Protein backbone atom coordinates (compact mmCIF):
# COMPACT_ATOMS: atom_id res chain seq x y z
CA MET A 1 -114.89 -5.73 83.95
CA ILE A 2 -115.18 -2.71 86.26
CA GLY A 3 -114.33 -3.06 89.93
CA VAL A 4 -116.42 -0.94 92.31
CA ILE A 5 -114.57 -0.43 95.57
CA ASP A 6 -116.78 -1.29 98.54
CA TYR A 7 -114.91 0.17 101.52
CA GLY A 8 -117.86 1.16 103.69
CA SER A 9 -118.20 4.77 102.48
CA GLY A 10 -119.70 4.44 99.03
CA ASN A 11 -123.08 4.88 97.36
CA ILE A 12 -122.87 1.35 95.96
CA GLY A 13 -126.54 0.70 95.15
CA ASN A 14 -127.21 3.60 92.77
CA LEU A 15 -123.86 3.18 91.06
CA SER A 16 -124.36 -0.56 90.56
CA ARG A 17 -127.80 0.05 89.05
CA ALA A 18 -126.35 2.68 86.70
CA LEU A 19 -123.59 0.33 85.51
CA THR A 20 -126.16 -2.45 85.00
CA PHE A 21 -128.32 -0.07 82.95
CA LEU A 22 -125.24 0.74 80.82
CA ASN A 23 -124.60 -3.00 80.33
CA ARG A 24 -121.21 -2.70 82.04
CA GLU A 25 -119.93 -5.83 83.72
CA HIS A 26 -118.91 -4.94 87.25
CA ALA A 27 -118.18 -6.45 90.64
CA LEU A 28 -118.03 -5.09 94.18
CA LEU A 29 -114.53 -5.35 95.61
CA LYS A 30 -114.09 -5.33 99.38
CA ARG A 31 -110.38 -6.21 99.50
CA PRO A 32 -107.60 -5.20 97.12
CA ASP A 33 -106.00 -8.64 97.23
CA LYS A 34 -109.13 -10.62 96.38
CA PHE A 35 -110.65 -10.05 92.95
CA PRO A 36 -113.49 -12.35 91.86
CA GLY A 37 -112.17 -14.07 88.75
CA LYS A 38 -110.09 -11.84 86.50
CA GLU A 39 -108.50 -8.56 87.54
CA PRO A 40 -110.68 -5.54 86.66
CA ASP A 41 -109.95 -3.34 83.66
CA ALA A 42 -110.89 -0.21 85.65
CA LEU A 43 -111.72 0.77 89.21
CA ILE A 44 -114.41 3.12 90.51
CA LEU A 45 -114.01 4.74 93.92
CA PRO A 46 -117.44 6.01 95.04
CA GLY A 47 -117.98 7.90 98.26
CA VAL A 48 -120.43 9.63 100.56
CA GLY A 49 -119.79 11.09 103.99
CA ALA A 50 -116.75 12.70 105.62
CA PHE A 51 -113.17 12.58 104.34
CA PRO A 52 -111.26 11.49 107.51
CA PRO A 53 -113.22 8.30 108.32
CA ALA A 54 -113.41 7.38 104.63
CA MET A 55 -109.63 7.70 104.34
CA ASP A 56 -109.26 5.60 107.49
CA ASN A 57 -111.39 2.92 105.79
CA LEU A 58 -109.15 2.97 102.71
CA VAL A 59 -106.04 2.59 104.89
CA SER A 60 -107.41 -0.19 107.12
CA SER A 61 -108.76 -2.17 104.14
CA GLY A 62 -105.48 -1.93 102.24
CA TRP A 63 -106.98 0.07 99.37
CA ARG A 64 -104.88 3.22 99.88
CA ASP A 65 -101.63 1.73 98.63
CA ARG A 66 -103.33 -0.35 95.96
CA LEU A 67 -105.08 2.72 94.51
CA ARG A 68 -101.87 4.74 94.50
CA ASP A 69 -100.07 1.94 92.64
CA TRP A 70 -103.02 1.54 90.27
CA ALA A 71 -102.94 5.23 89.34
CA LYS A 72 -99.14 5.27 89.01
CA GLY A 73 -99.47 2.41 86.55
CA GLN A 74 -101.84 4.63 84.52
CA ARG A 75 -104.70 2.19 84.81
CA PRO A 76 -108.25 3.64 84.58
CA LEU A 77 -109.56 4.99 87.88
CA LEU A 78 -112.76 7.00 88.40
CA GLY A 79 -113.65 8.74 91.67
CA ILE A 80 -117.18 9.96 92.37
CA CYS A 81 -118.07 12.71 94.90
CA LEU A 82 -116.14 11.89 98.09
CA GLY A 83 -114.22 9.32 96.03
CA MET A 84 -112.85 12.14 93.87
CA GLN A 85 -111.94 14.14 96.98
CA LEU A 86 -110.03 11.17 98.41
CA MET A 87 -107.95 11.15 95.21
CA CYS A 88 -106.64 14.65 96.05
CA GLU A 89 -103.57 15.51 98.14
CA GLY A 90 -105.64 15.94 101.27
CA SER A 91 -108.60 17.61 102.93
CA THR A 92 -109.09 20.20 105.67
CA GLU A 93 -112.39 18.62 106.75
CA GLY A 94 -112.14 18.33 110.53
CA GLU A 95 -108.36 18.46 110.68
CA PHE A 96 -105.99 18.01 107.75
CA THR A 97 -106.02 14.45 106.45
CA GLU A 98 -103.70 13.20 103.74
CA GLY A 99 -105.37 11.86 100.60
CA LEU A 100 -104.23 9.56 97.81
CA GLY A 101 -102.30 12.35 96.07
CA ILE A 102 -103.47 11.47 92.57
CA PHE A 103 -104.95 14.92 91.84
CA ARG A 104 -103.06 18.06 92.78
CA GLY A 105 -104.67 20.31 95.36
CA VAL A 106 -106.32 20.16 98.78
CA VAL A 107 -110.06 19.83 99.38
CA SER A 108 -111.54 22.53 101.62
CA ARG A 109 -114.90 23.87 102.78
CA ILE A 110 -116.64 25.74 99.96
CA ALA A 111 -115.93 29.41 100.61
CA GLY A 112 -118.43 31.93 99.27
CA ALA A 113 -121.47 29.61 99.28
CA LEU A 114 -124.41 31.16 101.10
CA LYS A 115 -125.73 27.79 102.26
CA LEU A 116 -124.01 24.47 102.92
CA PRO A 117 -124.23 21.68 102.13
CA HIS A 118 -124.52 22.59 98.46
CA VAL A 119 -127.36 20.42 97.22
CA GLY A 120 -128.55 21.06 93.71
CA TRP A 121 -128.26 20.76 89.98
CA ASN A 122 -125.45 22.60 88.21
CA THR A 123 -124.09 22.93 84.71
CA ILE A 124 -120.36 22.45 84.24
CA TYR A 125 -117.93 24.35 82.03
CA GLY A 126 -114.24 24.68 81.30
CA ASP A 127 -111.69 26.04 78.87
CA GLY A 128 -113.20 25.78 75.41
CA PHE A 129 -116.43 23.98 76.30
CA ARG A 130 -119.68 24.28 78.16
CA ASP A 131 -122.03 21.45 79.09
CA ASP A 132 -125.59 22.76 79.33
CA ASN A 133 -126.85 19.60 81.02
CA PHE A 134 -127.45 19.63 84.76
CA TYR A 135 -125.67 17.31 87.20
CA TYR A 136 -126.53 16.51 90.80
CA PHE A 137 -124.18 17.80 93.53
CA VAL A 138 -124.41 17.26 97.28
CA HIS A 139 -121.36 18.32 99.34
CA SER A 140 -119.85 20.99 101.61
CA TYR A 141 -116.20 20.50 100.64
CA ALA A 142 -114.59 20.65 97.21
CA LEU A 143 -111.34 20.98 95.32
CA GLY A 144 -110.79 24.52 94.12
CA VAL A 145 -109.82 25.07 90.50
CA SER A 146 -106.44 23.35 90.21
CA ALA A 147 -103.88 22.12 87.69
CA ASP A 148 -105.96 18.95 87.20
CA THR A 149 -109.32 20.68 86.72
CA ALA A 150 -110.99 19.60 83.48
CA ALA A 151 -114.31 21.32 84.23
CA PHE A 152 -115.66 23.48 87.00
CA THR A 153 -118.91 24.91 88.28
CA SER A 154 -120.01 27.59 90.71
CA VAL A 155 -122.54 28.24 93.42
CA ASP A 156 -123.15 31.77 94.74
CA ARG A 157 -119.63 33.30 94.87
CA ALA A 158 -117.79 29.97 94.98
CA GLU A 159 -116.12 28.25 92.03
CA PHE A 160 -114.73 24.72 92.32
CA THR A 161 -113.71 21.65 90.35
CA ALA A 162 -116.53 19.56 88.88
CA ILE A 163 -114.29 17.17 86.92
CA ALA A 164 -110.63 16.43 87.63
CA ASP A 165 -108.49 14.61 85.07
CA ARG A 166 -104.89 13.45 85.26
CA GLU A 167 -103.45 10.81 82.97
CA ARG A 168 -105.99 7.95 83.20
CA SER A 169 -107.55 9.04 86.50
CA VAL A 170 -110.81 10.99 86.42
CA GLY A 171 -112.92 12.42 89.24
CA PHE A 172 -116.50 13.70 89.27
CA GLN A 173 -117.52 15.93 92.21
CA PHE A 174 -121.16 15.34 91.23
CA HIS A 175 -123.08 12.06 91.11
CA PRO A 176 -123.48 10.94 87.47
CA GLU A 177 -125.45 7.91 88.63
CA ARG A 178 -128.07 10.27 90.15
CA SER A 179 -128.08 12.81 87.30
CA GLY A 180 -130.59 11.22 84.93
CA ARG A 181 -129.87 10.60 81.27
CA ALA A 182 -127.20 13.28 81.08
CA GLY A 183 -125.27 11.73 83.95
CA LEU A 184 -125.51 8.23 82.51
CA ALA A 185 -124.37 9.50 79.11
CA LEU A 186 -121.40 11.27 80.70
CA LEU A 187 -120.48 8.18 82.71
CA GLU A 188 -120.71 6.02 79.60
CA GLY A 189 -118.58 8.50 77.64
CA TYR A 190 -115.84 8.58 80.23
CA LEU A 191 -115.74 4.81 80.62
CA THR A 192 -115.48 4.43 76.87
CA GLY A 193 -112.81 7.15 76.71
CA MET A 194 -110.84 5.31 79.40
CA GLY A 195 -110.86 2.24 77.18
CA VAL A 196 -113.21 0.19 79.34
């Protein structure tokens, strides 16, 4: 079972529909100390909006410490869009806000982009591979290429992380649940690769 963290800053509807389409059992989790039935095999941290209030929501709901412990225990964790950013060391959005510290690096405003927010469809690539499918991005802040970058993309003169990967934690800067068949296939592949 996959637990989808419902902390007031996530795109829950589209993600839930995508998981249903993939025949993945899942449940929305509002509190880290109350799981419906059995404990989940993996957690997904979705996210839309701004980093500081989203981080405040994770702290006030008790999810911050639970997610840090979950990742330290090398249990499967997937962050999507803002969810991936929250898994980084921090963000300069507004003023510096500390993140979960799962991925190395600080999220910052995309430098070199001619227009923000960056809304569009991008291919992703990395060392030794290129994915010619297109994935849907919508954001103004991103993690630059870092030690945990598994794939990156670019817009105008800016290059940034598209997929972060460290131990059993994975982050997608794009929205796989809004990226058509390619996004669903990628989501399915990562969930399977995480042993879920």
